[in-house]
């Protein structure tokens, strides 16, 4: 089994490591770095290699995942690049393209960009991947690794910013709907705990219908909107208040922001 190092034990890095552990990767094959090691104590207790030394972390690794902030990326790559030879390098960094990353790495390195989301922790991520590699075995390895964390799509590197908005930020957008539905549920009589359960499971069911049946969302909406019914009344009111437009505009605003990073 390959040794995997995650540089950056923040929310995304720990979500990935949680998913990898749950998928069967052994703790001793995992290394994770962070300045404040106290935040990684639970991983240390189960046998994951925990360190604040990025250089030491990559020395015996086969795969390196960069889960760090964009503004720190170039400095960290300069720090670890002398120790990188034939490892697979996977960047989850927002807004830094493969050509920009290549400048800081040896030419022999197979470089991937992956944009998972925090649902990787429960193996329900939507991960988009781009690469400069022609090595089919390496591409298959990276695909399988992220398949174990959810669903995977290979896309062109030029679309990675869009994937970040739709898939990674999309978790927050979806959860904001759940929160709003909870607030409505409380208004009509449910406790917050019951409103949360109903709203979250309903969203999960709706998403599952689209994924498992392959139907367009509107065809599933048609099944529950009867003439003069309560559903169409609610939908029309939401659209009147700008629901769809607000979602589209939010996605476009995030896209504009990421393009200006």
C-alpha atoms as a PDB file:
ATOM      1  CA  UNK A   1       0.000   0.000   0.000  1.00  0.00           C
ATOM      2  CA  UNK A   2       1.291   3.462  -0.883  1.00  0.00           C
ATOM      3  CA  UNK A   3       2.308   5.924   1.823  1.00  0.00           C
ATOM      4  CA  UNK A   4       0.162   9.043   1.630  1.00  0.00           C
ATOM      5  CA  UNK A   5       1.179  12.405   3.087  1.00  0.00           C
ATOM      6  CA  UNK A   6      -1.299  15.220   3.563  1.00  0.00           C
ATOM      7  CA  UNK A   7       0.342  18.621   3.878  1.00  0.00           C
ATOM      8  CA  UNK A   8      -2.154  20.715   5.827  1.00  0.00           C
ATOM      9  CA  UNK A   9      -4.358  19.263   8.538  1.00  0.00           C
ATOM     10  CA  UNK A  10      -7.190  21.780   8.296  1.00  0.00           C
ATOM     11  CA  UNK A  11     -10.849  21.052   7.588  1.00  0.00           C
ATOM     12  CA  UNK A  12     -10.310  19.594   4.111  1.00  0.00           C
ATOM     13  CA  UNK A  13      -7.136  17.703   4.997  1.00  0.00           C
ATOM     14  CA  UNK A  14      -8.752  16.030   7.992  1.00  0.00           C
ATOM     15  CA  UNK A  15     -11.915  15.275   6.002  1.00  0.00           C
ATOM     16  CA  UNK A  16      -9.790  13.457   3.432  1.00  0.00           C
ATOM     17  CA  UNK A  17      -7.861  11.543   6.075  1.00  0.00           C
ATOM     18  CA  UNK A  18     -11.121  10.546   7.798  1.00  0.00           C
ATOM     19  CA  UNK A  19     -12.443   9.204   4.516  1.00  0.00           C
ATOM     20  CA  UNK A  20      -9.199   7.358   3.716  1.00  0.00           C
ATOM     21  CA  UNK A  21      -9.203   5.717   7.139  1.00  0.00           C
ATOM     22  CA  UNK A  22     -12.838   4.728   6.724  1.00  0.00           C
ATOM     23  CA  UNK A  23     -12.081   3.257   3.296  1.00  0.00           C
ATOM     24  CA  UNK A  24      -9.480   0.921   4.781  1.00  0.00           C
ATOM     25  CA  UNK A  25      -6.184   2.781   4.473  1.00  0.00           C
ATOM     26  CA  UNK A  26      -4.036   1.816   7.459  1.00  0.00           C
ATOM     27  CA  UNK A  27      -3.061   4.615   9.868  1.00  0.00           C
ATOM     28  CA  UNK A  28       0.624   3.770   9.549  1.00  0.00           C
ATOM     29  CA  UNK A  29       0.432   4.520   5.815  1.00  0.00           C
ATOM     30  CA  UNK A  30      -0.826   8.040   6.466  1.00  0.00           C
ATOM     31  CA  UNK A  31       1.066  11.169   7.466  1.00  0.00           C
ATOM     32  CA  UNK A  32      -0.518  14.544   8.142  1.00  0.00           C
ATOM     33  CA  UNK A  33       1.140  17.867   8.923  1.00  0.00           C
ATOM     34  CA  UNK A  34       0.039  20.947  10.776  1.00  0.00           C
ATOM     35  CA  UNK A  35       1.737  23.650  12.788  1.00  0.00           C
ATOM     36  CA  UNK A  36      -0.469  23.151  15.848  1.00  0.00           C
ATOM     37  CA  UNK A  37      -0.150  19.425  16.469  1.00  0.00           C
ATOM     38  CA  UNK A  38      -2.669  19.457  19.312  1.00  0.00           C
ATOM     39  CA  UNK A  39      -5.406  19.684  16.659  1.00  0.00           C
ATOM     40  CA  UNK A  40      -4.236  16.319  15.254  1.00  0.00           C
ATOM     41  CA  UNK A  41      -4.010  14.478  18.568  1.00  0.00           C
ATOM     42  CA  UNK A  42      -6.860  12.075  17.771  1.00  0.00           C
ATOM     43  CA  UNK A  43      -5.033  10.892  14.637  1.00  0.00           C
ATOM     44  CA  UNK A  44      -1.784  10.402  16.519  1.00  0.00           C
ATOM     45  CA  UNK A  45      -3.601   8.217  19.062  1.00  0.00           C
ATOM     46  CA  UNK A  46      -4.755   5.794  16.363  1.00  0.00           C
ATOM     47  CA  UNK A  47      -1.349   5.489  14.712  1.00  0.00           C
ATOM     48  CA  UNK A  48      -1.364   8.144  11.981  1.00  0.00           C
ATOM     49  CA  UNK A  49       2.036   9.814  11.582  1.00  0.00           C
ATOM     50  CA  UNK A  50       1.628  13.397  12.769  1.00  0.00           C
ATOM     51  CA  UNK A  51       4.281  16.078  12.338  1.00  0.00           C
ATOM     52  CA  UNK A  52       4.834  19.785  11.856  1.00  0.00           C
ATOM     53  CA  UNK A  53       7.863  19.118   9.624  1.00  0.00           C
ATOM     54  CA  UNK A  54       6.773  19.162   5.973  1.00  0.00           C
ATOM     55  CA  UNK A  55      10.178  18.082   4.683  1.00  0.00           C
ATOM     56  CA  UNK A  56      10.313  15.033   6.938  1.00  0.00           C
ATOM     57  CA  UNK A  57       6.705  14.193   6.037  1.00  0.00           C
ATOM     58  CA  UNK A  58       7.347  13.842   2.299  1.00  0.00           C
ATOM     59  CA  UNK A  59      10.622  11.899   2.492  1.00  0.00           C
ATOM     60  CA  UNK A  60       9.068   8.426   2.621  1.00  0.00           C
ATOM     61  CA  UNK A  61       5.798   9.233   0.870  1.00  0.00           C
ATOM     62  CA  UNK A  62       4.521   7.891  -2.430  1.00  0.00           C
ATOM     63  CA  UNK A  63       1.656  10.343  -2.713  1.00  0.00           C
ATOM     64  CA  UNK A  64       1.613  13.965  -1.521  1.00  0.00           C
ATOM     65  CA  UNK A  65      -1.643  15.857  -1.105  1.00  0.00           C
ATOM     66  CA  UNK A  66      -1.440  19.621  -0.753  1.00  0.00           C
ATOM     67  CA  UNK A  67      -4.341  20.831   1.398  1.00  0.00           C
ATOM     68  CA  UNK A  68      -3.052  24.310   2.129  1.00  0.00           C
ATOM     69  CA  UNK A  69      -4.016  27.931   1.598  1.00  0.00           C
ATOM     70  CA  UNK A  70      -3.231  29.449  -1.828  1.00  0.00           C
ATOM     71  CA  UNK A  71      -1.010  32.160  -0.361  1.00  0.00           C
ATOM     72  CA  UNK A  72       1.213  29.546   1.308  1.00  0.00           C
ATOM     73  CA  UNK A  73       1.461  27.146  -1.616  1.00  0.00           C
ATOM     74  CA  UNK A  74       4.520  28.427  -3.471  1.00  0.00           C
ATOM     75  CA  UNK A  75       6.577  28.766  -0.288  1.00  0.00           C
ATOM     76  CA  UNK A  76       5.699  25.228   0.807  1.00  0.00           C
ATOM     77  CA  UNK A  77       6.462  23.809  -2.642  1.00  0.00           C
ATOM     78  CA  UNK A  78       9.877  25.479  -2.583  1.00  0.00           C
ATOM     79  CA  UNK A  79      10.403  23.936   0.862  1.00  0.00           C
ATOM     80  CA  UNK A  80       9.540  20.360  -0.079  1.00  0.00           C
ATOM     81  CA  UNK A  81      10.527  20.184  -3.768  1.00  0.00           C
ATOM     82  CA  UNK A  82      14.128  19.037  -3.060  1.00  0.00           C
ATOM     83  CA  UNK A  83      12.620  15.885  -1.498  1.00  0.00           C
ATOM     84  CA  UNK A  84      10.249  15.222  -4.409  1.00  0.00           C
ATOM     85  CA  UNK A  85      11.448  12.808  -7.081  1.00  0.00           C
ATOM     86  CA  UNK A  86       8.884  10.378  -8.495  1.00  0.00           C
ATOM     87  CA  UNK A  87       6.015  10.857  -6.048  1.00  0.00           C
ATOM     88  CA  UNK A  88       2.492  11.624  -7.189  1.00  0.00           C
ATOM     89  CA  UNK A  89       1.636  15.188  -6.176  1.00  0.00           C
ATOM     90  CA  UNK A  90      -2.028  16.120  -5.787  1.00  0.00           C
ATOM     91  CA  UNK A  91      -2.993  19.728  -5.155  1.00  0.00           C
ATOM     92  CA  UNK A  92      -6.345  20.664  -3.668  1.00  0.00           C
ATOM     93  CA  UNK A  93      -5.340  24.331  -3.608  1.00  0.00           C
ATOM     94  CA  UNK A  94      -7.866  26.816  -4.917  1.00  0.00           C
ATOM     95  CA  UNK A  95      -6.926  29.030  -7.855  1.00  0.00           C
ATOM     96  CA  UNK A  96      -3.441  27.706  -8.709  1.00  0.00           C
ATOM     97  CA  UNK A  97      -3.286  25.938 -12.077  1.00  0.00           C
ATOM     98  CA  UNK A  98      -1.199  22.959 -13.104  1.00  0.00           C
ATOM     99  CA  UNK A  99       1.220  25.133 -15.175  1.00  0.00           C
ATOM    100  CA  UNK A 100       1.751  27.381 -12.142  1.00  0.00           C
ATOM    101  CA  UNK A 101       2.432  24.384  -9.910  1.00  0.00           C
ATOM    102  CA  UNK A 102       4.780  22.796 -12.460  1.00  0.00           C
ATOM    103  CA  UNK A 103       7.179  25.731 -12.150  1.00  0.00           C
ATOM    104  CA  UNK A 104       7.986  24.765  -8.560  1.00  0.00           C
ATOM    105  CA  UNK A 105       8.302  21.001  -9.055  1.00  0.00           C
ATOM    106  CA  UNK A 106      10.732  18.635 -10.825  1.00  0.00           C
ATOM    107  CA  UNK A 107       9.719  17.899 -14.425  1.00  0.00           C
ATOM    108  CA  UNK A 108       9.482  14.172 -13.702  1.00  0.00           C
ATOM    109  CA  UNK A 109       6.626  14.612 -11.208  1.00  0.00           C
ATOM    110  CA  UNK A 110       3.117  13.503 -12.113  1.00  0.00           C
ATOM    111  CA  UNK A 111       0.908  16.363 -11.028  1.00  0.00           C
ATOM    112  CA  UNK A 112      -2.809  16.221 -10.294  1.00  0.00           C
ATOM    113  CA  UNK A 113      -5.301  18.788  -9.114  1.00  0.00           C
ATOM    114  CA  UNK A 114      -8.244  17.460  -7.135  1.00  0.00           C
ATOM    115  CA  UNK A 115     -11.184  19.390  -5.775  1.00  0.00           C
ATOM    116  CA  UNK A 116     -13.017  17.237  -3.234  1.00  0.00           C
ATOM    117  CA  UNK A 117     -15.354  18.660  -0.635  1.00  0.00           C
ATOM    118  CA  UNK A 118     -15.679  18.103   3.097  1.00  0.00           C
ATOM    119  CA  UNK A 119     -18.171  15.249   2.550  1.00  0.00           C
ATOM    120  CA  UNK A 120     -15.017  13.209   1.872  1.00  0.00           C
ATOM    121  CA  UNK A 121     -15.060  12.582   5.628  1.00  0.00           C
ATOM    122  CA  UNK A 122     -18.141  10.378   5.163  1.00  0.00           C
ATOM    123  CA  UNK A 123     -17.091   9.146   1.706  1.00  0.00           C
ATOM    124  CA  UNK A 124     -19.735  11.232  -0.097  1.00  0.00           C
ATOM    125  CA  UNK A 125     -17.522  13.817  -1.787  1.00  0.00           C
ATOM    126  CA  UNK A 126     -17.890  15.026  -5.342  1.00  0.00           C
ATOM    127  CA  UNK A 127     -14.277  15.220  -6.517  1.00  0.00           C
ATOM    128  CA  UNK A 128     -13.183  16.766  -9.818  1.00  0.00           C
ATOM    129  CA  UNK A 129      -9.655  15.946 -11.021  1.00  0.00           C
ATOM    130  CA  UNK A 130      -7.322  17.322 -13.686  1.00  0.00           C
ATOM    131  CA  UNK A 131      -3.777  16.205 -14.501  1.00  0.00           C
ATOM    132  CA  UNK A 132      -0.692  16.674 -16.649  1.00  0.00           C
ATOM    133  CA  UNK A 133       0.078  12.951 -16.451  1.00  0.00           C
ATOM    134  CA  UNK A 134      -0.091  10.445 -19.304  1.00  0.00           C
ATOM    135  CA  UNK A 135       0.577   7.561 -16.921  1.00  0.00           C
ATOM    136  CA  UNK A 136      -2.627   5.522 -16.951  1.00  0.00           C
ATOM    137  CA  UNK A 137      -1.652   3.518 -13.872  1.00  0.00           C
ATOM    138  CA  UNK A 138      -1.138   6.676 -11.849  1.00  0.00           C
ATOM    139  CA  UNK A 139      -4.390   8.163 -13.130  1.00  0.00           C
ATOM    140  CA  UNK A 140      -6.211   4.987 -12.155  1.00  0.00           C
ATOM    141  CA  UNK A 141      -4.608   5.035  -8.691  1.00  0.00           C
ATOM    142  CA  UNK A 142      -5.707   8.631  -8.069  1.00  0.00           C
ATOM    143  CA  UNK A 143      -9.201   7.872  -9.375  1.00  0.00           C
ATOM    144  CA  UNK A 144      -9.576   4.849  -7.104  1.00  0.00           C
ATOM    145  CA  UNK A 145      -8.298   6.804  -4.113  1.00  0.00           C
ATOM    146  CA  UNK A 146     -10.931   9.484  -4.565  1.00  0.00           C
ATOM    147  CA  UNK A 147     -13.573   6.936  -5.614  1.00  0.00           C
ATOM    148  CA  UNK A 148     -13.192   5.662  -2.062  1.00  0.00           C
ATOM    149  CA  UNK A 149     -14.199   9.143  -0.871  1.00  0.00           C
ATOM    150  CA  UNK A 150     -17.287   9.517  -3.092  1.00  0.00           C
ATOM    151  CA  UNK A 151     -17.785  10.255  -6.795  1.00  0.00           C
ATOM    152  CA  UNK A 152     -15.039  11.290  -9.250  1.00  0.00           C
ATOM    153  CA  UNK A 153     -14.942  13.145 -12.562  1.00  0.00           C
ATOM    154  CA  UNK A 154     -11.858  13.945 -14.655  1.00  0.00           C
ATOM    155  CA  UNK A 155     -12.122  17.420 -16.189  1.00  0.00           C
ATOM    156  CA  UNK A 156      -9.892  19.925 -17.992  1.00  0.00           C
ATOM    157  CA  UNK A 157      -7.694  22.021 -15.732  1.00  0.00           C
ATOM    158  CA  UNK A 158      -9.367  25.179 -17.034  1.00  0.00           C
ATOM    159  CA  UNK A 159     -12.614  24.056 -15.351  1.00  0.00           C
ATOM    160  CA  UNK A 160     -11.126  23.436 -11.908  1.00  0.00           C
ATOM    161  CA  UNK A 161     -12.104  26.884 -10.657  1.00  0.00           C
ATOM    162  CA  UNK A 162     -15.692  26.210 -11.696  1.00  0.00           C
ATOM    163  CA  UNK A 163     -15.545  22.809 -10.014  1.00  0.00           C
ATOM    164  CA  UNK A 164     -14.395  24.501  -6.813  1.00  0.00           C
ATOM    165  CA  UNK A 165     -17.444  26.753  -6.860  1.00  0.00           C
ATOM    166  CA  UNK A 166     -20.014  24.108  -7.793  1.00  0.00           C
ATOM    167  CA  UNK A 167     -18.702  21.179  -5.722  1.00  0.00           C
ATOM    168  CA  UNK A 168     -16.632  22.546  -2.829  1.00  0.00           C
ATOM    169  CA  UNK A 169     -18.495  25.779  -2.149  1.00  0.00           C
ATOM    170  CA  UNK A 170     -21.621  23.901  -3.194  1.00  0.00           C
ATOM    171  CA  UNK A 171     -21.613  22.038   0.134  1.00  0.00           C
ATOM    172  CA  UNK A 172     -22.134  25.373   1.901  1.00  0.00           C
ATOM    173  CA  UNK A 173     -24.803  26.447  -0.580  1.00  0.00           C
ATOM    174  CA  UNK A 174     -26.740  23.208  -0.065  1.00  0.00           C
ATOM    175  CA  UNK A 175     -26.434  23.420   3.707  1.00  0.00           C
ATOM    176  CA  UNK A 176     -27.712  26.987   3.664  1.00  0.00           C
ATOM    177  CA  UNK A 177     -30.885  25.657   2.034  1.00  0.00           C
ATOM    178  CA  UNK A 178     -31.159  23.016   4.770  1.00  0.00           C
ATOM    179  CA  UNK A 179     -30.791  25.705   7.414  1.00  0.00           C
ATOM    180  CA  UNK A 180     -33.449  27.867   5.760  1.00  0.00           C
ATOM    181  CA  UNK A 181     -35.812  24.891   5.506  1.00  0.00           C
ATOM    182  CA  UNK A 182     -35.210  24.190   9.192  1.00  0.00           C
ATOM    183  CA  UNK A 183     -36.145  27.775  10.046  1.00  0.00           C
ATOM    184  CA  UNK A 184     -39.340  27.390   8.051  1.00  0.00           C
ATOM    185  CA  UNK A 185     -40.024  24.096   9.793  1.00  0.00           C
ATOM    186  CA  UNK A 186     -39.697  25.736  13.187  1.00  0.00           C
ATOM    187  CA  UNK A 187     -42.110  28.474  12.052  1.00  0.00           C
ATOM    188  CA  UNK A 188     -44.747  25.836  11.254  1.00  0.00           C
ATOM    189  CA  UNK A 189     -44.427  23.967  14.517  1.00  0.00           C
ATOM    190  CA  UNK A 190     -41.461  21.573  14.648  1.00  0.00           C
ATOM    191  CA  UNK A 191     -38.663  21.625  17.197  1.00  0.00           C
ATOM    192  CA  UNK A 192     -35.240  22.530  15.765  1.00  0.00           C
ATOM    193  CA  UNK A 193     -34.034  18.919  16.117  1.00  0.00           C
ATOM    194  CA  UNK A 194     -36.984  17.457  14.224  1.00  0.00           C
ATOM    195  CA  UNK A 195     -36.904  20.239  11.613  1.00  0.00           C
ATOM    196  CA  UNK A 196     -33.213  19.483  10.998  1.00  0.00           C
ATOM    197  CA  UNK A 197     -33.845  15.763  10.591  1.00  0.00           C
ATOM    198  CA  UNK A 198     -36.740  16.267   8.174  1.00  0.00           C
ATOM    199  CA  UNK A 199     -34.960  18.941   6.120  1.00  0.00           C
ATOM    200  CA  UNK A 200     -31.643  17.098   5.841  1.00  0.00           C
ATOM    201  CA  UNK A 201     -33.179  13.722   4.973  1.00  0.00           C
ATOM    202  CA  UNK A 202     -35.488  15.353   2.428  1.00  0.00           C
ATOM    203  CA  UNK A 203     -32.515  16.972   0.703  1.00  0.00           C
ATOM    204  CA  UNK A 204     -30.641  13.662   0.757  1.00  0.00           C
ATOM    205  CA  UNK A 205     -33.654  11.913  -0.788  1.00  0.00           C
ATOM    206  CA  UNK A 206     -34.033  14.576  -3.471  1.00  0.00           C
ATOM    207  CA  UNK A 207     -30.361  14.321  -4.446  1.00  0.00           C
ATOM    208  CA  UNK A 208     -30.553  10.517  -4.469  1.00  0.00           C
ATOM    209  CA  UNK A 209     -33.512  10.601  -6.865  1.00  0.00           C
ATOM    210  CA  UNK A 210     -31.477  12.633  -9.343  1.00  0.00           C
ATOM    211  CA  UNK A 211     -28.318  10.549  -8.949  1.00  0.00           C
ATOM    212  CA  UNK A 212     -29.926   7.116  -8.928  1.00  0.00           C
ATOM    213  CA  UNK A 213     -32.685   7.657 -11.479  1.00  0.00           C
ATOM    214  CA  UNK A 214     -30.748  10.031 -13.718  1.00  0.00           C
ATOM    215  CA  UNK A 215     -33.789  12.236 -14.192  1.00  0.00           C
ATOM    216  CA  UNK A 216     -33.721  16.001 -14.609  1.00  0.00           C
ATOM    217  CA  UNK A 217     -34.726  17.707 -11.335  1.00  0.00           C
ATOM    218  CA  UNK A 218     -37.732  19.292 -13.023  1.00  0.00           C
ATOM    219  CA  UNK A 219     -39.201  15.889 -13.906  1.00  0.00           C
ATOM    220  CA  UNK A 220     -39.043  14.908 -10.224  1.00  0.00           C
ATOM    221  CA  UNK A 221     -40.572  18.247  -9.258  1.00  0.00           C
ATOM    222  CA  UNK A 222     -43.473  17.571 -11.654  1.00  0.00           C
ATOM    223  CA  UNK A 223     -44.302  14.382  -9.741  1.00  0.00           C
ATOM    224  CA  UNK A 224     -45.164  16.329  -6.589  1.00  0.00           C
ATOM    225  CA  UNK A 225     -46.736  19.475  -8.045  1.00  0.00           C
ATOM    226  CA  UNK A 226     -50.442  18.781  -8.499  1.00  0.00           C
ATOM    227  CA  UNK A 227     -52.847  21.401  -9.921  1.00  0.00           C
ATOM    228  CA  UNK A 228     -53.814  23.966  -7.281  1.00  0.00           C
ATOM    229  CA  UNK A 229     -51.694  22.029  -4.762  1.00  0.00           C
ATOM    230  CA  UNK A 230     -49.614  23.248  -1.874  1.00  0.00           C
ATOM    231  CA  UNK A 231     -46.277  22.402  -3.521  1.00  0.00           C
ATOM    232  CA  UNK A 232     -46.764  24.576  -6.594  1.00  0.00           C
ATOM    233  CA  UNK A 233     -47.955  27.407  -4.368  1.00  0.00           C
ATOM    234  CA  UNK A 234     -44.772  27.185  -2.309  1.00  0.00           C
ATOM    235  CA  UNK A 235     -42.547  26.882  -5.381  1.00  0.00           C
ATOM    236  CA  UNK A 236     -44.127  29.875  -7.071  1.00  0.00           C
ATOM    237  CA  UNK A 237     -43.687  31.983  -3.957  1.00  0.00           C
ATOM    238  CA  UNK A 238     -40.019  30.945  -3.673  1.00  0.00           C
ATOM    239  CA  UNK A 239     -39.401  31.796  -7.327  1.00  0.00           C
ATOM    240  CA  UNK A 240     -41.208  35.121  -6.895  1.00  0.00           C
ATOM    241  CA  UNK A 241     -38.818  35.889  -4.039  1.00  0.00           C
ATOM    242  CA  UNK A 242     -35.852  35.019  -6.280  1.00  0.00           C
ATOM    243  CA  UNK A 243     -34.763  31.546  -5.151  1.00  0.00           C
ATOM    244  CA  UNK A 244     -33.308  30.259  -8.438  1.00  0.00           C
ATOM    245  CA  UNK A 245     -31.904  33.639  -9.401  1.00  0.00           C
ATOM    246  CA  UNK A 246     -30.210  34.043  -6.021  1.00  0.00           C
ATOM    247  CA  UNK A 247     -28.551  30.631  -6.336  1.00  0.00           C
ATOM    248  CA  UNK A 248     -27.314  31.310  -9.866  1.00  0.00           C
ATOM    249  CA  UNK A 249     -26.057  34.778  -8.899  1.00  0.00           C
ATOM    250  CA  UNK A 250     -24.295  33.353  -5.849  1.00  0.00           C
ATOM    251  CA  UNK A 251     -22.480  30.794  -7.987  1.00  0.00           C
ATOM    252  CA  UNK A 252     -21.488  33.467 -10.509  1.00  0.00           C
ATOM    253  CA  UNK A 253     -20.249  35.762  -7.728  1.00  0.00           C
ATOM    254  CA  UNK A 254     -18.087  32.968  -6.303  1.00  0.00           C
ATOM    255  CA  UNK A 255     -16.743  32.223  -9.783  1.00  0.00           C
ATOM    256  CA  UNK A 256     -15.828  35.877 -10.273  1.00  0.00           C
ATOM    257  CA  UNK A 257     -14.039  35.921  -6.909  1.00  0.00           C
ATOM    258  CA  UNK A 258     -12.000  32.790  -7.629  1.00  0.00           C
ATOM    259  CA  UNK A 259     -10.944  34.136 -11.032  1.00  0.00           C
ATOM    260  CA  UNK A 260      -9.514  37.217  -9.293  1.00  0.00           C
ATOM    261  CA  UNK A 261      -7.486  35.323  -6.681  1.00  0.00           C
END
